[in-house]
Amino acid sequence: MDLKPAFQEEFLLAMASLYRRVDVDIAGRQGVCIASGRCCRFEEYGHRLYVTQAELIYFYAVSLRPELDPAKNNSEAHTAVLPRTAGFPLPLYNGDGEFAPGCPWQVQGMCSARSGRPLGCRIYFCDSGSRGWQGPVYEYWHQQITDMHVEFDIGYSYLEWRNGLALLRRAEDQITDSAMVGGGPAAG
């Protein structure tokens, strides 16, 4: 995965703008969130979260590299629940090499990466009254994100969330490794 768009302000501003429009759209639909955290416990609740590469790159910029967040909208309230400094490694895997259950960004029942969360997290609500509009609304906004892949020359892939996070981890490791050329950290 190429993380270069995470360092391009035009891409970050476009994604931030799109997510603001998504949030306004969803707020108008009045989905009910009871803050149970069930949506983040994938195996327990019987669903999966899928994301595009553009969503992963934006997540990386906003949640893992907050200095890149063009909106500077990272809430201290969310980072306050983190029992570690933001960034990898998160507990993505169990000791047996399988994915840990649920979203690794759910800490003490709360999302610790709310501002960078992907489209599915913004649209999904557990309440049955939201089920009728979620699919069509997701498809509409997903197409807008798909179009951004073309606009910003980002390879398109649609991945299960934790698989995407694993790719992000590898991509971040490659950035770190390339900064260490010559046996020491890159001069800054």
N, C-alpha and C. Protein backbone atom coordinates (compact mmCIF):
# COMPACT_ATOMS: atom_id res chain seq x y z
N MET A 1 0.85 -1.17 0.00
CA MET A 1 0.00 0.00 0.00
C MET A 1 0.89 1.24 0.00
N ASP A 2 0.59 2.15 -0.88
CA ASP A 2 1.35 3.39 -1.00
C ASP A 2 0.72 4.44 -0.10
N LEU A 3 1.46 4.92 0.88
CA LEU A 3 0.94 5.90 1.83
C LEU A 3 1.20 7.34 1.42
N LYS A 4 1.75 7.56 0.22
CA LYS A 4 2.05 8.94 -0.20
C LYS A 4 0.85 9.88 -0.10
N PRO A 5 -0.38 9.45 -0.47
CA PRO A 5 -1.51 10.38 -0.34
C PRO A 5 -1.74 10.88 1.08
N ALA A 6 -1.28 10.13 2.08
CA ALA A 6 -1.44 10.56 3.47
C ALA A 6 -0.65 11.84 3.74
N PHE A 7 0.31 12.13 2.88
CA PHE A 7 1.13 13.32 3.05
C PHE A 7 0.75 14.42 2.06
N GLN A 8 -0.36 14.22 1.33
CA GLN A 8 -0.81 15.20 0.34
C GLN A 8 -2.04 15.93 0.88
N GLU A 9 -1.86 17.20 1.15
CA GLU A 9 -2.92 17.98 1.77
C GLU A 9 -4.21 17.98 0.95
N GLU A 10 -4.10 18.02 -0.37
CA GLU A 10 -5.29 18.06 -1.21
C GLU A 10 -6.16 16.81 -0.99
N PHE A 11 -5.52 15.64 -0.93
CA PHE A 11 -6.27 14.40 -0.67
C PHE A 11 -6.90 14.43 0.72
N LEU A 12 -6.12 14.82 1.72
CA LEU A 12 -6.63 14.83 3.09
C LEU A 12 -7.80 15.79 3.24
N LEU A 13 -7.71 16.96 2.63
CA LEU A 13 -8.81 17.92 2.70
C LEU A 13 -10.05 17.39 1.98
N ALA A 14 -9.85 16.71 0.85
CA ALA A 14 -10.98 16.15 0.11
C ALA A 14 -11.68 15.06 0.94
N MET A 15 -10.90 14.19 1.58
CA MET A 15 -11.51 13.15 2.42
C MET A 15 -12.20 13.76 3.63
N ALA A 16 -11.57 14.75 4.26
CA ALA A 16 -12.18 15.40 5.42
C ALA A 16 -13.50 16.05 5.02
N SER A 17 -13.53 16.68 3.87
CA SER A 17 -14.76 17.31 3.38
C SER A 17 -15.84 16.26 3.11
N LEU A 18 -15.45 15.16 2.47
CA LEU A 18 -16.41 14.10 2.19
C LEU A 18 -16.98 13.55 3.49
N TYR A 19 -16.14 13.27 4.47
CA TYR A 19 -16.62 12.73 5.74
C TYR A 19 -17.50 13.74 6.48
N ARG A 20 -17.22 15.03 6.36
CA ARG A 20 -18.13 16.03 6.97
C ARG A 20 -19.51 15.95 6.33
N ARG A 21 -19.54 15.80 5.00
CA ARG A 21 -20.84 15.68 4.30
C ARG A 21 -21.55 14.39 4.70
N VAL A 22 -20.80 13.31 4.84
CA VAL A 22 -21.38 12.05 5.32
C VAL A 22 -22.00 12.26 6.69
N ASP A 23 -21.25 12.88 7.59
CA ASP A 23 -21.73 13.07 8.96
C ASP A 23 -22.99 13.93 9.01
N VAL A 24 -23.07 14.95 8.15
CA VAL A 24 -24.28 15.79 8.08
C VAL A 24 -25.45 14.95 7.56
N ASP A 25 -25.21 14.17 6.52
CA ASP A 25 -26.24 13.30 5.96
C ASP A 25 -26.77 12.34 7.02
N ILE A 26 -25.87 11.70 7.73
CA ILE A 26 -26.26 10.71 8.73
C ILE A 26 -26.98 11.36 9.90
N ALA A 27 -26.51 12.51 10.34
CA ALA A 27 -27.17 13.22 11.45
C ALA A 27 -28.63 13.53 11.09
N GLY A 28 -28.87 13.86 9.84
CA GLY A 28 -30.23 14.16 9.40
C GLY A 28 -31.14 12.94 9.38
N ARG A 29 -30.57 11.77 9.38
CA ARG A 29 -31.36 10.53 9.36
C ARG A 29 -31.70 10.05 10.77
N GLN A 30 -31.08 10.63 11.76
CA GLN A 30 -31.38 10.39 13.17
C GLN A 30 -31.25 8.93 13.58
N GLY A 31 -30.18 8.29 13.13
CA GLY A 31 -29.88 6.94 13.61
C GLY A 31 -29.61 7.00 15.11
N VAL A 32 -29.99 5.97 15.80
CA VAL A 32 -29.84 5.95 17.26
C VAL A 32 -28.63 5.11 17.64
N CYS A 33 -27.66 5.77 18.27
CA CYS A 33 -26.48 5.07 18.79
C CYS A 33 -26.64 4.98 20.30
N ILE A 34 -26.67 3.76 20.80
CA ILE A 34 -26.81 3.59 22.25
C ILE A 34 -25.45 3.39 22.92
N ALA A 35 -24.38 3.62 22.14
CA ALA A 35 -23.00 3.54 22.65
C ALA A 35 -22.72 2.22 23.36
N SER A 36 -23.25 1.15 22.79
CA SER A 36 -23.03 -0.17 23.39
C SER A 36 -21.68 -0.75 22.98
N GLY A 37 -21.13 -0.27 21.87
CA GLY A 37 -19.88 -0.81 21.36
C GLY A 37 -20.05 -2.12 20.61
N ARG A 38 -21.30 -2.59 20.47
CA ARG A 38 -21.52 -3.87 19.78
C ARG A 38 -21.02 -3.81 18.34
N CYS A 39 -21.16 -2.66 17.71
CA CYS A 39 -20.77 -2.54 16.31
C CYS A 39 -19.28 -2.81 16.11
N CYS A 40 -18.49 -2.62 17.15
CA CYS A 40 -17.04 -2.83 17.07
C CYS A 40 -16.63 -4.25 17.42
N ARG A 41 -17.54 -5.02 17.97
CA ARG A 41 -17.23 -6.40 18.35
C ARG A 41 -17.77 -7.33 17.25
N PHE A 42 -17.02 -7.40 16.17
CA PHE A 42 -17.47 -8.02 14.94
C PHE A 42 -17.94 -9.46 15.11
N GLU A 43 -17.12 -10.30 15.71
CA GLU A 43 -17.49 -11.71 15.84
C GLU A 43 -18.72 -11.87 16.73
N GLU A 44 -18.75 -11.15 17.80
CA GLU A 44 -19.86 -11.25 18.75
C GLU A 44 -21.18 -10.80 18.12
N TYR A 45 -21.12 -9.77 17.29
CA TYR A 45 -22.34 -9.21 16.71
C TYR A 45 -22.66 -9.77 15.33
N GLY A 46 -21.72 -10.54 14.75
CA GLY A 46 -21.99 -11.23 13.49
C GLY A 46 -21.87 -10.37 12.24
N HIS A 47 -20.94 -9.46 12.20
CA HIS A 47 -20.74 -8.69 10.98
C HIS A 47 -19.26 -8.35 10.80
N ARG A 48 -18.94 -7.76 9.67
CA ARG A 48 -17.58 -7.34 9.34
C ARG A 48 -17.62 -5.90 8.85
N LEU A 49 -16.48 -5.23 8.97
CA LEU A 49 -16.31 -3.88 8.46
C LEU A 49 -15.35 -3.95 7.28
N TYR A 50 -15.76 -3.38 6.15
CA TYR A 50 -14.92 -3.34 4.96
C TYR A 50 -14.57 -1.89 4.64
N VAL A 51 -13.36 -1.71 4.12
CA VAL A 51 -12.86 -0.37 3.84
C VAL A 51 -12.10 -0.36 2.51
N THR A 52 -11.99 0.84 1.94
CA THR A 52 -11.20 1.02 0.73
C THR A 52 -9.80 1.50 1.11
N GLN A 53 -8.91 1.49 0.13
CA GLN A 53 -7.55 1.99 0.39
C GLN A 53 -7.57 3.47 0.76
N ALA A 54 -8.41 4.27 0.11
CA ALA A 54 -8.46 5.70 0.44
C ALA A 54 -8.87 5.89 1.89
N GLU A 55 -9.82 5.10 2.37
CA GLU A 55 -10.24 5.20 3.77
C GLU A 55 -9.09 4.83 4.71
N LEU A 56 -8.36 3.78 4.35
CA LEU A 56 -7.22 3.37 5.18
C LEU A 56 -6.14 4.44 5.21
N ILE A 57 -5.87 5.04 4.07
CA ILE A 57 -4.84 6.08 4.01
C ILE A 57 -5.26 7.29 4.84
N TYR A 58 -6.53 7.68 4.74
CA TYR A 58 -7.02 8.80 5.55
C TYR A 58 -6.96 8.44 7.04
N PHE A 59 -7.37 7.23 7.36
CA PHE A 59 -7.31 6.77 8.75
C PHE A 59 -5.87 6.86 9.27
N TYR A 60 -4.94 6.40 8.46
CA TYR A 60 -3.53 6.46 8.84
C TYR A 60 -3.13 7.91 9.15
N ALA A 61 -3.48 8.82 8.26
CA ALA A 61 -3.08 10.22 8.44
C ALA A 61 -3.70 10.84 9.68
N VAL A 62 -4.98 10.60 9.89
CA VAL A 62 -5.70 11.28 10.97
C VAL A 62 -5.53 10.58 12.32
N SER A 63 -5.53 9.27 12.32
CA SER A 63 -5.51 8.54 13.58
C SER A 63 -4.11 8.12 14.02
N LEU A 64 -3.26 7.80 13.08
CA LEU A 64 -1.92 7.35 13.44
C LEU A 64 -0.87 8.45 13.32
N ARG A 65 -1.15 9.43 12.49
CA ARG A 65 -0.22 10.56 12.29
C ARG A 65 -1.01 11.85 12.45
N PRO A 66 -1.50 12.16 13.65
CA PRO A 66 -2.40 13.31 13.83
C PRO A 66 -1.83 14.64 13.36
N GLU A 67 -0.52 14.73 13.24
CA GLU A 67 0.06 15.97 12.73
C GLU A 67 -0.31 16.20 11.27
N LEU A 68 -0.77 15.16 10.56
CA LEU A 68 -1.18 15.28 9.17
C LEU A 68 -2.65 15.64 9.01
N ASP A 69 -3.42 15.62 10.09
CA ASP A 69 -4.86 15.87 10.03
C ASP A 69 -5.10 17.32 9.62
N PRO A 70 -5.64 17.56 8.41
CA PRO A 70 -5.82 18.94 7.95
C PRO A 70 -6.84 19.71 8.79
N ALA A 71 -7.79 18.99 9.37
CA ALA A 71 -8.83 19.65 10.16
C ALA A 71 -8.43 19.77 11.62
N LYS A 72 -7.35 19.11 12.00
CA LYS A 72 -6.91 19.09 13.41
C LYS A 72 -8.10 18.78 14.31
N ASN A 73 -8.88 17.77 13.91
CA ASN A 73 -10.11 17.45 14.63
C ASN A 73 -9.97 16.25 15.56
N ASN A 74 -8.76 15.88 15.89
CA ASN A 74 -8.58 14.78 16.84
C ASN A 74 -8.96 15.25 18.23
N SER A 75 -9.93 14.62 18.77
CA SER A 75 -10.44 15.01 20.09
C SER A 75 -9.57 14.43 21.19
N GLU A 76 -9.17 15.28 22.11
CA GLU A 76 -8.40 14.79 23.26
C GLU A 76 -9.23 13.81 24.08
N ALA A 77 -10.55 13.95 24.04
CA ALA A 77 -11.40 13.03 24.79
C ALA A 77 -11.21 11.60 24.31
N HIS A 78 -10.99 11.42 23.01
CA HIS A 78 -10.79 10.07 22.49
C HIS A 78 -9.40 9.56 22.81
N THR A 79 -8.39 10.42 22.70
CA THR A 79 -7.05 9.94 22.99
C THR A 79 -6.85 9.72 24.47
N ALA A 80 -7.69 10.33 25.30
CA ALA A 80 -7.56 10.15 26.75
C ALA A 80 -7.86 8.72 27.18
N VAL A 81 -8.66 7.97 26.40
CA VAL A 81 -8.99 6.61 26.79
C VAL A 81 -7.90 5.62 26.39
N LEU A 82 -6.92 6.07 25.63
CA LEU A 82 -5.88 5.16 25.17
C LEU A 82 -4.90 4.85 26.29
N PRO A 83 -4.67 3.57 26.55
CA PRO A 83 -3.71 3.19 27.57
C PRO A 83 -2.28 3.15 27.03
N ARG A 84 -2.04 3.73 25.87
CA ARG A 84 -0.73 3.72 25.23
C ARG A 84 -0.66 4.95 24.32
N THR A 85 0.49 5.22 23.78
CA THR A 85 0.58 6.32 22.83
C THR A 85 -0.09 5.87 21.54
N ALA A 86 -0.67 6.82 20.82
CA ALA A 86 -1.37 6.48 19.58
C ALA A 86 -0.37 5.92 18.58
N GLY A 87 -0.85 5.05 17.73
CA GLY A 87 -0.02 4.45 16.71
C GLY A 87 0.12 2.96 16.90
N PHE A 88 0.78 2.32 15.97
CA PHE A 88 1.02 0.90 16.07
C PHE A 88 2.13 0.64 17.07
N PRO A 89 2.23 -0.51 17.67
CA PRO A 89 1.35 -1.64 17.43
C PRO A 89 0.14 -1.64 18.35
N LEU A 90 -0.97 -1.94 17.77
CA LEU A 90 -2.19 -2.19 18.53
C LEU A 90 -2.35 -3.70 18.63
N PRO A 91 -3.16 -4.17 19.56
CA PRO A 91 -3.35 -5.62 19.68
C PRO A 91 -4.22 -6.14 18.54
N LEU A 92 -3.62 -6.28 17.37
CA LEU A 92 -4.35 -6.70 16.18
C LEU A 92 -4.52 -8.22 16.13
N TYR A 93 -3.57 -8.94 16.71
CA TYR A 93 -3.58 -10.39 16.64
C TYR A 93 -3.62 -11.01 18.03
N ASN A 94 -4.21 -12.21 18.10
CA ASN A 94 -4.10 -13.05 19.30
C ASN A 94 -2.73 -13.72 19.29
N GLY A 95 -2.41 -14.40 20.36
CA GLY A 95 -1.15 -15.13 20.44
C GLY A 95 -1.04 -16.22 19.39
N ASP A 96 -2.17 -16.73 18.89
CA ASP A 96 -2.14 -17.80 17.90
C ASP A 96 -2.01 -17.28 16.47
N GLY A 97 -1.85 -15.97 16.30
CA GLY A 97 -1.69 -15.39 14.98
C GLY A 97 -3.00 -15.02 14.30
N GLU A 98 -4.12 -15.38 14.90
CA GLU A 98 -5.43 -14.99 14.36
C GLU A 98 -5.74 -13.57 14.81
N PHE A 99 -6.64 -12.91 14.06
CA PHE A 99 -7.05 -11.58 14.47
C PHE A 99 -7.71 -11.63 15.84
N ALA A 100 -7.39 -10.66 16.67
CA ALA A 100 -8.10 -10.51 17.95
C ALA A 100 -9.55 -10.16 17.61
N PRO A 101 -10.49 -10.59 18.44
CA PRO A 101 -11.89 -10.30 18.14
C PRO A 101 -12.16 -8.80 18.21
N GLY A 102 -13.00 -8.34 17.30
CA GLY A 102 -13.42 -6.94 17.33
C GLY A 102 -12.39 -5.98 16.78
N CYS A 103 -12.72 -4.72 16.88
CA CYS A 103 -11.86 -3.65 16.38
C CYS A 103 -10.78 -3.33 17.40
N PRO A 104 -9.52 -3.32 16.99
CA PRO A 104 -8.45 -3.01 17.93
C PRO A 104 -8.45 -1.56 18.40
N TRP A 105 -9.23 -0.71 17.76
CA TRP A 105 -9.31 0.69 18.17
C TRP A 105 -10.39 0.93 19.21
N GLN A 106 -11.14 -0.12 19.56
CA GLN A 106 -12.12 0.02 20.64
C GLN A 106 -11.38 -0.21 21.95
N VAL A 107 -11.32 0.83 22.75
CA VAL A 107 -10.60 0.78 24.03
C VAL A 107 -11.59 1.14 25.12
N GLN A 108 -11.72 0.26 26.10
CA GLN A 108 -12.66 0.46 27.20
C GLN A 108 -14.06 0.79 26.68
N GLY A 109 -14.46 0.08 25.61
CA GLY A 109 -15.80 0.22 25.06
C GLY A 109 -16.01 1.44 24.18
N MET A 110 -14.97 2.23 23.95
CA MET A 110 -15.12 3.44 23.14
C MET A 110 -14.15 3.42 21.96
N CYS A 111 -14.54 4.12 20.90
CA CYS A 111 -13.67 4.27 19.74
C CYS A 111 -12.56 5.25 20.08
N SER A 112 -11.33 4.81 19.88
CA SER A 112 -10.19 5.67 20.17
C SER A 112 -9.64 6.33 18.91
N ALA A 113 -10.35 6.17 17.79
CA ALA A 113 -9.90 6.75 16.52
C ALA A 113 -11.09 7.35 15.78
N ARG A 114 -11.95 8.01 16.50
CA ARG A 114 -13.23 8.44 15.96
C ARG A 114 -13.12 9.38 14.76
N SER A 115 -12.23 10.34 14.79
CA SER A 115 -12.20 11.32 13.70
C SER A 115 -11.75 10.70 12.38
N GLY A 116 -10.96 9.66 12.42
CA GLY A 116 -10.49 9.03 11.19
C GLY A 116 -11.25 7.77 10.81
N ARG A 117 -12.31 7.46 11.55
CA ARG A 117 -13.01 6.19 11.33
C ARG A 117 -13.57 6.11 9.91
N PRO A 118 -13.66 4.89 9.38
CA PRO A 118 -14.11 4.71 8.01
C PRO A 118 -15.62 4.90 7.84
N LEU A 119 -16.05 4.89 6.59
CA LEU A 119 -17.44 5.12 6.21
C LEU A 119 -18.40 4.19 6.93
N GLY A 120 -18.10 2.90 6.96
CA GLY A 120 -19.00 1.94 7.60
C GLY A 120 -19.26 2.27 9.06
N CYS A 121 -18.26 2.77 9.76
CA CYS A 121 -18.43 3.15 11.17
C CYS A 121 -19.34 4.36 11.30
N ARG A 122 -19.31 5.23 10.32
CA ARG A 122 -20.12 6.45 10.37
C ARG A 122 -21.59 6.17 10.05
N ILE A 123 -21.84 5.12 9.27
CA ILE A 123 -23.19 4.86 8.78
C ILE A 123 -23.92 3.79 9.58
N TYR A 124 -23.20 2.85 10.17
CA TYR A 124 -23.85 1.71 10.81
C TYR A 124 -24.39 2.07 12.20
N PHE A 125 -25.64 1.73 12.41
CA PHE A 125 -26.29 1.86 13.72
C PHE A 125 -26.97 0.53 14.02
N CYS A 126 -26.95 0.14 15.29
CA CYS A 126 -27.56 -1.13 15.70
C CYS A 126 -29.08 -1.08 15.69
N ASP A 127 -29.66 0.11 15.82
CA ASP A 127 -31.12 0.18 15.95
C ASP A 127 -31.80 -0.24 14.66
N SER A 128 -32.89 -0.98 14.79
CA SER A 128 -33.58 -1.54 13.63
C SER A 128 -34.19 -0.45 12.74
N GLY A 129 -34.47 0.72 13.27
CA GLY A 129 -35.04 1.80 12.47
C GLY A 129 -34.09 2.36 11.43
N SER A 130 -32.82 2.05 11.55
CA SER A 130 -31.82 2.56 10.61
C SER A 130 -31.54 1.61 9.47
N ARG A 131 -31.99 0.40 9.58
CA ARG A 131 -31.61 -0.62 8.59
C ARG A 131 -32.11 -0.32 7.18
N GLY A 132 -33.25 0.33 7.05
CA GLY A 132 -33.80 0.60 5.72
C GLY A 132 -32.98 1.56 4.88
N TRP A 133 -32.32 2.51 5.50
CA TRP A 133 -31.56 3.50 4.73
C TRP A 133 -30.06 3.23 4.68
N GLN A 134 -29.55 2.36 5.56
CA GLN A 134 -28.10 2.19 5.64
C GLN A 134 -27.47 1.69 4.33
N GLY A 135 -28.04 0.68 3.72
CA GLY A 135 -27.47 0.12 2.49
C GLY A 135 -27.38 1.14 1.37
N PRO A 136 -28.50 1.77 0.99
CA PRO A 136 -28.44 2.75 -0.10
C PRO A 136 -27.52 3.94 0.21
N VAL A 137 -27.53 4.40 1.45
CA VAL A 137 -26.68 5.54 1.82
C VAL A 137 -25.21 5.13 1.76
N TYR A 138 -24.90 3.92 2.24
CA TYR A 138 -23.53 3.44 2.16
C TYR A 138 -23.08 3.37 0.70
N GLU A 139 -23.92 2.80 -0.15
CA GLU A 139 -23.55 2.66 -1.57
C GLU A 139 -23.28 4.02 -2.21
N TYR A 140 -24.10 5.01 -1.89
CA TYR A 140 -23.91 6.35 -2.46
C TYR A 140 -22.54 6.92 -2.05
N TRP A 141 -22.26 6.93 -0.75
CA TRP A 141 -21.01 7.52 -0.27
C TRP A 141 -19.80 6.67 -0.64
N HIS A 142 -19.98 5.36 -0.69
CA HIS A 142 -18.89 4.49 -1.13
C HIS A 142 -18.49 4.84 -2.56
N GLN A 143 -19.47 5.14 -3.42
CA GLN A 143 -19.15 5.53 -4.79
C GLN A 143 -18.36 6.84 -4.82
N GLN A 144 -18.69 7.76 -3.93
CA GLN A 144 -17.94 9.02 -3.86
C GLN A 144 -16.48 8.74 -3.48
N ILE A 145 -16.28 7.83 -2.55
CA ILE A 145 -14.91 7.46 -2.15
C ILE A 145 -14.20 6.72 -3.29
N THR A 146 -14.93 5.85 -3.98
CA THR A 146 -14.36 5.14 -5.12
C THR A 146 -13.88 6.14 -6.18
N ASP A 147 -14.66 7.17 -6.42
CA ASP A 147 -14.27 8.21 -7.38
C ASP A 147 -12.98 8.91 -6.95
N MET A 148 -12.79 9.05 -5.65
CA MET A 148 -11.56 9.69 -5.16
C MET A 148 -10.33 8.84 -5.45
N HIS A 149 -10.50 7.53 -5.52
CA HIS A 149 -9.37 6.67 -5.88
C HIS A 149 -8.86 7.05 -7.27
N VAL A 150 -9.78 7.32 -8.18
CA VAL A 150 -9.40 7.72 -9.54
C VAL A 150 -8.79 9.12 -9.51
N GLU A 151 -9.47 10.04 -8.85
CA GLU A 151 -9.02 11.43 -8.82
C GLU A 151 -7.60 11.57 -8.27
N PHE A 152 -7.28 10.79 -7.24
CA PHE A 152 -5.97 10.92 -6.59
C PHE A 152 -5.02 9.78 -6.93
N ASP A 153 -5.38 8.99 -7.95
CA ASP A 153 -4.53 7.91 -8.44
C ASP A 153 -4.12 6.95 -7.32
N ILE A 154 -5.13 6.50 -6.59
CA ILE A 154 -4.94 5.53 -5.51
C ILE A 154 -5.48 4.19 -5.99
N GLY A 155 -4.68 3.15 -5.90
CA GLY A 155 -5.15 1.83 -6.28
C GLY A 155 -6.37 1.44 -5.45
N TYR A 156 -7.38 0.89 -6.10
CA TYR A 156 -8.61 0.54 -5.38
C TYR A 156 -8.54 -0.90 -4.90
N SER A 157 -8.83 -1.08 -3.64
CA SER A 157 -9.09 -2.40 -3.08
C SER A 157 -10.10 -2.22 -1.96
N TYR A 158 -10.83 -3.28 -1.69
CA TYR A 158 -11.89 -3.27 -0.69
C TYR A 158 -11.57 -4.41 0.26
N LEU A 159 -11.19 -4.08 1.48
CA LEU A 159 -10.62 -5.05 2.41
C LEU A 159 -11.38 -5.10 3.71
N GLU A 160 -11.36 -6.26 4.35
CA GLU A 160 -11.86 -6.35 5.72
C GLU A 160 -10.96 -5.46 6.56
N TRP A 161 -11.55 -4.74 7.51
CA TRP A 161 -10.88 -3.72 8.32
C TRP A 161 -9.55 -4.19 8.91
N ARG A 162 -9.54 -5.33 9.57
CA ARG A 162 -8.30 -5.76 10.23
C ARG A 162 -7.24 -6.17 9.22
N ASN A 163 -7.65 -6.72 8.08
CA ASN A 163 -6.68 -6.99 7.01
C ASN A 163 -6.07 -5.68 6.52
N GLY A 164 -6.92 -4.66 6.39
CA GLY A 164 -6.43 -3.34 5.99
C GLY A 164 -5.46 -2.76 7.01
N LEU A 165 -5.79 -2.91 8.29
CA LEU A 165 -4.88 -2.42 9.34
C LEU A 165 -3.54 -3.14 9.29
N ALA A 166 -3.59 -4.45 8.99
CA ALA A 166 -2.34 -5.20 8.86
C ALA A 166 -1.50 -4.66 7.70
N LEU A 167 -2.16 -4.32 6.58
CA LEU A 167 -1.44 -3.71 5.45
C LEU A 167 -0.86 -2.36 5.84
N LEU A 168 -1.63 -1.58 6.59
CA LEU A 168 -1.11 -0.29 7.07
C LEU A 168 0.13 -0.48 7.92
N ARG A 169 0.08 -1.47 8.78
CA ARG A 169 1.23 -1.73 9.65
C ARG A 169 2.46 -2.05 8.81
N ARG A 170 2.29 -2.90 7.80
CA ARG A 170 3.43 -3.24 6.93
C ARG A 170 3.92 -2.02 6.17
N ALA A 171 2.99 -1.20 5.67
CA ALA A 171 3.39 0.01 4.93
C ALA A 171 4.12 0.98 5.84
N GLU A 172 3.66 1.12 7.07
CA GLU A 172 4.33 2.01 8.01
C GLU A 172 5.72 1.47 8.35
N ASP A 173 5.84 0.15 8.49
CA ASP A 173 7.14 -0.45 8.74
C ASP A 173 8.11 -0.16 7.59
N GLN A 174 7.61 -0.18 6.35
CA GLN A 174 8.46 0.12 5.20
C GLN A 174 8.95 1.56 5.23
N ILE A 175 8.07 2.48 5.65
CA ILE A 175 8.47 3.88 5.78
C ILE A 175 9.57 4.00 6.83
N THR A 176 9.37 3.33 7.95
CA THR A 176 10.36 3.36 9.03
C THR A 176 11.67 2.75 8.57
N ASP A 177 11.59 1.60 7.88
CA ASP A 177 12.80 0.95 7.39
C ASP A 177 13.56 1.84 6.41
N SER A 178 12.85 2.52 5.50
CA SER A 178 13.53 3.37 4.53
C SER A 178 14.15 4.59 5.20
N ALA A 179 13.59 5.03 6.32
CA ALA A 179 14.17 6.16 7.06
C ALA A 179 15.44 5.75 7.80
N MET A 180 15.63 4.44 7.95
CA MET A 180 16.78 3.94 8.71
C MET A 180 17.96 3.58 7.80
N VAL A 181 17.88 3.90 6.52
CA VAL A 181 18.97 3.59 5.59
C VAL A 181 20.26 4.24 6.10
N GLY A 182 21.31 3.49 6.10
CA GLY A 182 22.59 4.00 6.58
C GLY A 182 22.83 3.70 8.05
N GLY A 183 21.92 2.92 8.67
CA GLY A 183 22.15 2.48 10.03
C GLY A 183 21.62 3.40 11.11
N GLY A 184 21.01 4.50 10.76
CA GLY A 184 20.48 5.40 11.78
C GLY A 184 19.26 6.11 11.28
N PRO A 185 18.57 6.81 12.16
CA PRO A 185 17.37 7.51 11.73
C PRO A 185 17.71 8.59 10.71
N ALA A 186 16.76 8.84 9.83
CA ALA A 186 16.94 9.89 8.83
C ALA A 186 17.05 11.24 9.52
N ALA A 187 17.89 12.08 8.99
CA ALA A 187 18.05 13.42 9.57
C ALA A 187 16.76 14.19 9.40
N GLY A 188 16.39 14.95 10.43
CA GLY A 188 15.11 15.65 10.35
C GLY A 188 15.20 17.07 10.58
